[in-house]
Every structure is written in structure tokens, then in C-alpha cells.
């Protein structure tokens, strides 16, 4: 006679919450990287110097944010692969991690675009 293991109610939320927290942390790091990039654009305009370089923290924060969201997506994908039935929570989790990854990827793209030196910043 086999005994079936029953999960506690709400136990499936804990791994999902950890994945969501990881994706949110990636988005927060990407937002911080955006702030570094915007500071560079403001400093270039204020100093009329297009040769100012992007601080290394912009790249670090951008890549850490993208890395966290990629790992959250991988964990969510592995979680979904080992489930027989997908719930609404699983679909929402997958969509949230994909959106977080898209945002972090866009932030990385803009950081590299802003890092390029400009010839002329001030006109006139």
C-alpha cells in the first residue's frame, strides 16, 4: 500500500516567490544601470564633452541585472518542465521572467549605445 505525499497548501508559492524575487532584483539592477547611463548623458551635455566614458558600474549593474533575469528564467523553465499540469501561477511566472529579461536586455542595449563617444555634444 502506497502513501501519497500531499503538499501543504501554499507550498507551491515559495519557489515561485523566490523566482519572482530574483527577477525583480534583476530589474532593480537594470534600473540602477539606467540611472548611471542617464547621469553620463547629463554630464556630457553639461561639460560639452562627448568623450566622457561610461563608468564601469553601468556595465556591471547592467550585466548583473541581465544575469539575474536569465537565471530566473532558467529556474522558471526548469520548474515548468518538471510539472505535469501548469497552473495560472506557472504561466504568470514564465511571462514575468520573460518580460524582466526583455527589459534587462533593452537596458544593456541602451547602455552600450550611450557608452559610445560622441563627436559633438553642444551645438552653436
C-alpha atoms as a PDB file:
ATOM      1  CA  UNK A   1       0.000   0.000   0.000  1.00  0.00           C
ATOM      2  CA  UNK A   2       1.492   3.294  -1.046  1.00  0.00           C
ATOM      3  CA  UNK A   3       1.138   6.520   0.789  1.00  0.00           C
ATOM      4  CA  UNK A   4       0.746   9.584  -1.381  1.00  0.00           C
ATOM      5  CA  UNK A   5       2.602  12.669  -0.297  1.00  0.00           C
ATOM      6  CA  UNK A   6       0.346  15.697  -0.167  1.00  0.00           C
ATOM      7  CA  UNK A   7       1.891  19.131  -0.384  1.00  0.00           C
ATOM      8  CA  UNK A   8       0.932  21.729   2.168  1.00  0.00           C
ATOM      9  CA  UNK A   9      -1.439  24.392   0.889  1.00  0.00           C
ATOM     10  CA  UNK A  10       0.575  27.340  -0.345  1.00  0.00           C
ATOM     11  CA  UNK A  11       3.806  25.341  -0.572  1.00  0.00           C
ATOM     12  CA  UNK A  12       3.933  25.868  -4.340  1.00  0.00           C
ATOM     13  CA  UNK A  13       4.139  29.636  -3.791  1.00  0.00           C
ATOM     14  CA  UNK A  14       7.524  29.563  -2.055  1.00  0.00           C
ATOM     15  CA  UNK A  15       9.651  28.524  -5.062  1.00  0.00           C
ATOM     16  CA  UNK A  16       7.635  30.861  -7.272  1.00  0.00           C
ATOM     17  CA  UNK A  17       8.214  33.733  -4.872  1.00  0.00           C
ATOM     18  CA  UNK A  18      11.961  33.060  -4.934  1.00  0.00           C
ATOM     19  CA  UNK A  19      11.970  33.183  -8.744  1.00  0.00           C
ATOM     20  CA  UNK A  20       9.941  36.402  -8.744  1.00  0.00           C
ATOM     21  CA  UNK A  21      12.310  37.980  -6.212  1.00  0.00           C
ATOM     22  CA  UNK A  22      15.273  37.049  -8.397  1.00  0.00           C
ATOM     23  CA  UNK A  23      13.644  38.552 -11.492  1.00  0.00           C
ATOM     24  CA  UNK A  24      12.704  41.711  -9.564  1.00  0.00           C
ATOM     25  CA  UNK A  25      16.276  42.030  -8.283  1.00  0.00           C
ATOM     26  CA  UNK A  26      17.478  41.833 -11.891  1.00  0.00           C
ATOM     27  CA  UNK A  27      15.063  44.571 -12.910  1.00  0.00           C
ATOM     28  CA  UNK A  28      16.163  46.762  -9.991  1.00  0.00           C
ATOM     29  CA  UNK A  29      19.814  46.362 -11.016  1.00  0.00           C
ATOM     30  CA  UNK A  30      18.874  47.227 -14.601  1.00  0.00           C
ATOM     31  CA  UNK A  31      17.067  50.361 -13.401  1.00  0.00           C
ATOM     32  CA  UNK A  32      20.167  51.359 -11.430  1.00  0.00           C
ATOM     33  CA  UNK A  33      22.260  50.852 -14.575  1.00  0.00           C
ATOM     34  CA  UNK A  34      19.849  53.111 -16.442  1.00  0.00           C
ATOM     35  CA  UNK A  35      20.445  55.792 -13.815  1.00  0.00           C
ATOM     36  CA  UNK A  36      24.213  55.542 -14.353  1.00  0.00           C
ATOM     37  CA  UNK A  37      23.684  55.854 -18.104  1.00  0.00           C
ATOM     38  CA  UNK A  38      21.433  58.892 -17.731  1.00  0.00           C
ATOM     39  CA  UNK A  39      23.984  60.539 -15.426  1.00  0.00           C
ATOM     40  CA  UNK A  40      26.600  60.083 -18.143  1.00  0.00           C
ATOM     41  CA  UNK A  41      24.341  61.696 -20.749  1.00  0.00           C
ATOM     42  CA  UNK A  42      23.690  64.644 -18.405  1.00  0.00           C
ATOM     43  CA  UNK A  43      27.399  65.035 -17.601  1.00  0.00           C
ATOM     44  CA  UNK A  44      28.270  65.011 -21.304  1.00  0.00           C
ATOM     45  CA  UNK A  45      25.695  67.702 -22.019  1.00  0.00           C
ATOM     46  CA  UNK A  46      26.784  69.808 -19.037  1.00  0.00           C
ATOM     47  CA  UNK A  47      30.507  69.592 -19.856  1.00  0.00           C
ATOM     48  CA  UNK A  48      30.054  69.710 -23.665  1.00  0.00           C
ATOM     49  CA  UNK A  49      32.411  66.732 -23.796  1.00  0.00           C
ATOM     50  CA  UNK A  50      31.236  63.758 -25.825  1.00  0.00           C
ATOM     51  CA  UNK A  51      34.357  61.800 -24.922  1.00  0.00           C
ATOM     52  CA  UNK A  52      33.372  61.156 -21.320  1.00  0.00           C
ATOM     53  CA  UNK A  53      33.412  57.420 -20.675  1.00  0.00           C
ATOM     54  CA  UNK A  54      30.694  55.243 -19.248  1.00  0.00           C
ATOM     55  CA  UNK A  55      31.526  54.319 -15.651  1.00  0.00           C
ATOM     56  CA  UNK A  56      32.249  50.642 -15.128  1.00  0.00           C
ATOM     57  CA  UNK A  57      29.357  50.452 -12.659  1.00  0.00           C
ATOM     58  CA  UNK A  58      26.925  50.962 -15.542  1.00  0.00           C
ATOM     59  CA  UNK A  59      28.210  47.844 -17.283  1.00  0.00           C
ATOM     60  CA  UNK A  60      28.417  45.847 -14.042  1.00  0.00           C
ATOM     61  CA  UNK A  61      24.889  46.708 -12.986  1.00  0.00           C
ATOM     62  CA  UNK A  62      23.535  46.049 -16.472  1.00  0.00           C
ATOM     63  CA  UNK A  63      25.181  42.658 -16.821  1.00  0.00           C
ATOM     64  CA  UNK A  64      24.287  41.623 -13.261  1.00  0.00           C
ATOM     65  CA  UNK A  65      20.653  42.561 -13.913  1.00  0.00           C
ATOM     66  CA  UNK A  66      20.610  40.607 -17.157  1.00  0.00           C
ATOM     67  CA  UNK A  67      22.316  37.648 -15.489  1.00  0.00           C
ATOM     68  CA  UNK A  68      19.815  37.542 -12.652  1.00  0.00           C
ATOM     69  CA  UNK A  69      16.868  37.663 -15.017  1.00  0.00           C
ATOM     70  CA  UNK A  70      18.375  34.953 -17.244  1.00  0.00           C
ATOM     71  CA  UNK A  71      18.910  32.713 -14.222  1.00  0.00           C
ATOM     72  CA  UNK A  72      15.354  33.407 -13.034  1.00  0.00           C
ATOM     73  CA  UNK A  73      14.059  32.419 -16.476  1.00  0.00           C
ATOM     74  CA  UNK A  74      16.135  29.229 -16.428  1.00  0.00           C
ATOM     75  CA  UNK A  75      14.864  28.268 -12.978  1.00  0.00           C
ATOM     76  CA  UNK A  76      11.275  29.018 -14.026  1.00  0.00           C
ATOM     77  CA  UNK A  77      11.719  26.930 -17.168  1.00  0.00           C
ATOM     78  CA  UNK A  78      13.130  24.012 -15.186  1.00  0.00           C
ATOM     79  CA  UNK A  79      10.238  24.328 -12.750  1.00  0.00           C
ATOM     80  CA  UNK A  80       7.730  24.191 -15.594  1.00  0.00           C
ATOM     81  CA  UNK A  81       9.439  21.240 -17.240  1.00  0.00           C
ATOM     82  CA  UNK A  82       9.040  19.060 -14.174  1.00  0.00           C
ATOM     83  CA  UNK A  83       5.359  19.790 -13.666  1.00  0.00           C
ATOM     84  CA  UNK A  84       2.614  17.671 -15.115  1.00  0.00           C
ATOM     85  CA  UNK A  85      -0.008  20.414 -15.166  1.00  0.00           C
ATOM     86  CA  UNK A  86       0.653  24.099 -15.430  1.00  0.00           C
ATOM     87  CA  UNK A  87      -1.350  26.436 -13.268  1.00  0.00           C
ATOM     88  CA  UNK A  88      -2.082  30.114 -13.807  1.00  0.00           C
ATOM     89  CA  UNK A  89       0.786  30.843 -11.416  1.00  0.00           C
ATOM     90  CA  UNK A  90       3.182  28.960 -13.687  1.00  0.00           C
ATOM     91  CA  UNK A  91       2.099  30.913 -16.756  1.00  0.00           C
ATOM     92  CA  UNK A  92       2.331  34.209 -14.884  1.00  0.00           C
ATOM     93  CA  UNK A  93       5.771  33.277 -13.587  1.00  0.00           C
ATOM     94  CA  UNK A  94       7.026  32.464 -17.073  1.00  0.00           C
ATOM     95  CA  UNK A  95       5.634  35.702 -18.521  1.00  0.00           C
ATOM     96  CA  UNK A  96       7.087  37.807 -15.707  1.00  0.00           C
ATOM     97  CA  UNK A  97      10.567  36.368 -16.154  1.00  0.00           C
ATOM     98  CA  UNK A  98      10.432  36.834 -19.944  1.00  0.00           C
ATOM     99  CA  UNK A  99       9.354  40.470 -19.510  1.00  0.00           C
ATOM    100  CA  UNK A 100      12.116  41.057 -16.948  1.00  0.00           C
ATOM    101  CA  UNK A 101      14.664  39.574 -19.338  1.00  0.00           C
ATOM    102  CA  UNK A 102      13.432  41.758 -22.202  1.00  0.00           C
ATOM    103  CA  UNK A 103      13.718  44.861 -20.025  1.00  0.00           C
ATOM    104  CA  UNK A 104      17.234  43.956 -18.841  1.00  0.00           C
ATOM    105  CA  UNK A 105      18.287  43.248 -22.425  1.00  0.00           C
ATOM    106  CA  UNK A 106      16.954  46.606 -23.576  1.00  0.00           C
ATOM    107  CA  UNK A 107      18.822  48.345 -20.749  1.00  0.00           C
ATOM    108  CA  UNK A 108      22.056  46.630 -21.801  1.00  0.00           C
ATOM    109  CA  UNK A 109      21.486  47.769 -25.372  1.00  0.00           C
ATOM    110  CA  UNK A 110      20.964  51.387 -24.310  1.00  0.00           C
ATOM    111  CA  UNK A 111      23.999  51.311 -22.022  1.00  0.00           C
ATOM    112  CA  UNK A 112      26.227  50.230 -24.881  1.00  0.00           C
ATOM    113  CA  UNK A 113      24.639  52.847 -27.143  1.00  0.00           C
ATOM    114  CA  UNK A 114      25.221  55.598 -24.575  1.00  0.00           C
ATOM    115  CA  UNK A 115      28.794  54.419 -23.933  1.00  0.00           C
ATOM    116  CA  UNK A 116      29.925  55.295 -27.463  1.00  0.00           C
ATOM    117  CA  UNK A 117      31.796  58.607 -27.566  1.00  0.00           C
ATOM    118  CA  UNK A 118      30.072  61.414 -29.418  1.00  0.00           C
ATOM    119  CA  UNK A 119      31.850  63.934 -31.635  1.00  0.00           C
ATOM    120  CA  UNK A 120      29.828  66.987 -30.807  1.00  0.00           C
ATOM    121  CA  UNK A 121      27.506  67.317 -27.882  1.00  0.00           C
ATOM    122  CA  UNK A 122      26.991  71.098 -27.835  1.00  0.00           C
ATOM    123  CA  UNK A 123      25.801  72.907 -30.889  1.00  0.00           C
ATOM    124  CA  UNK A 124      26.298  76.591 -31.659  1.00  0.00           C
END
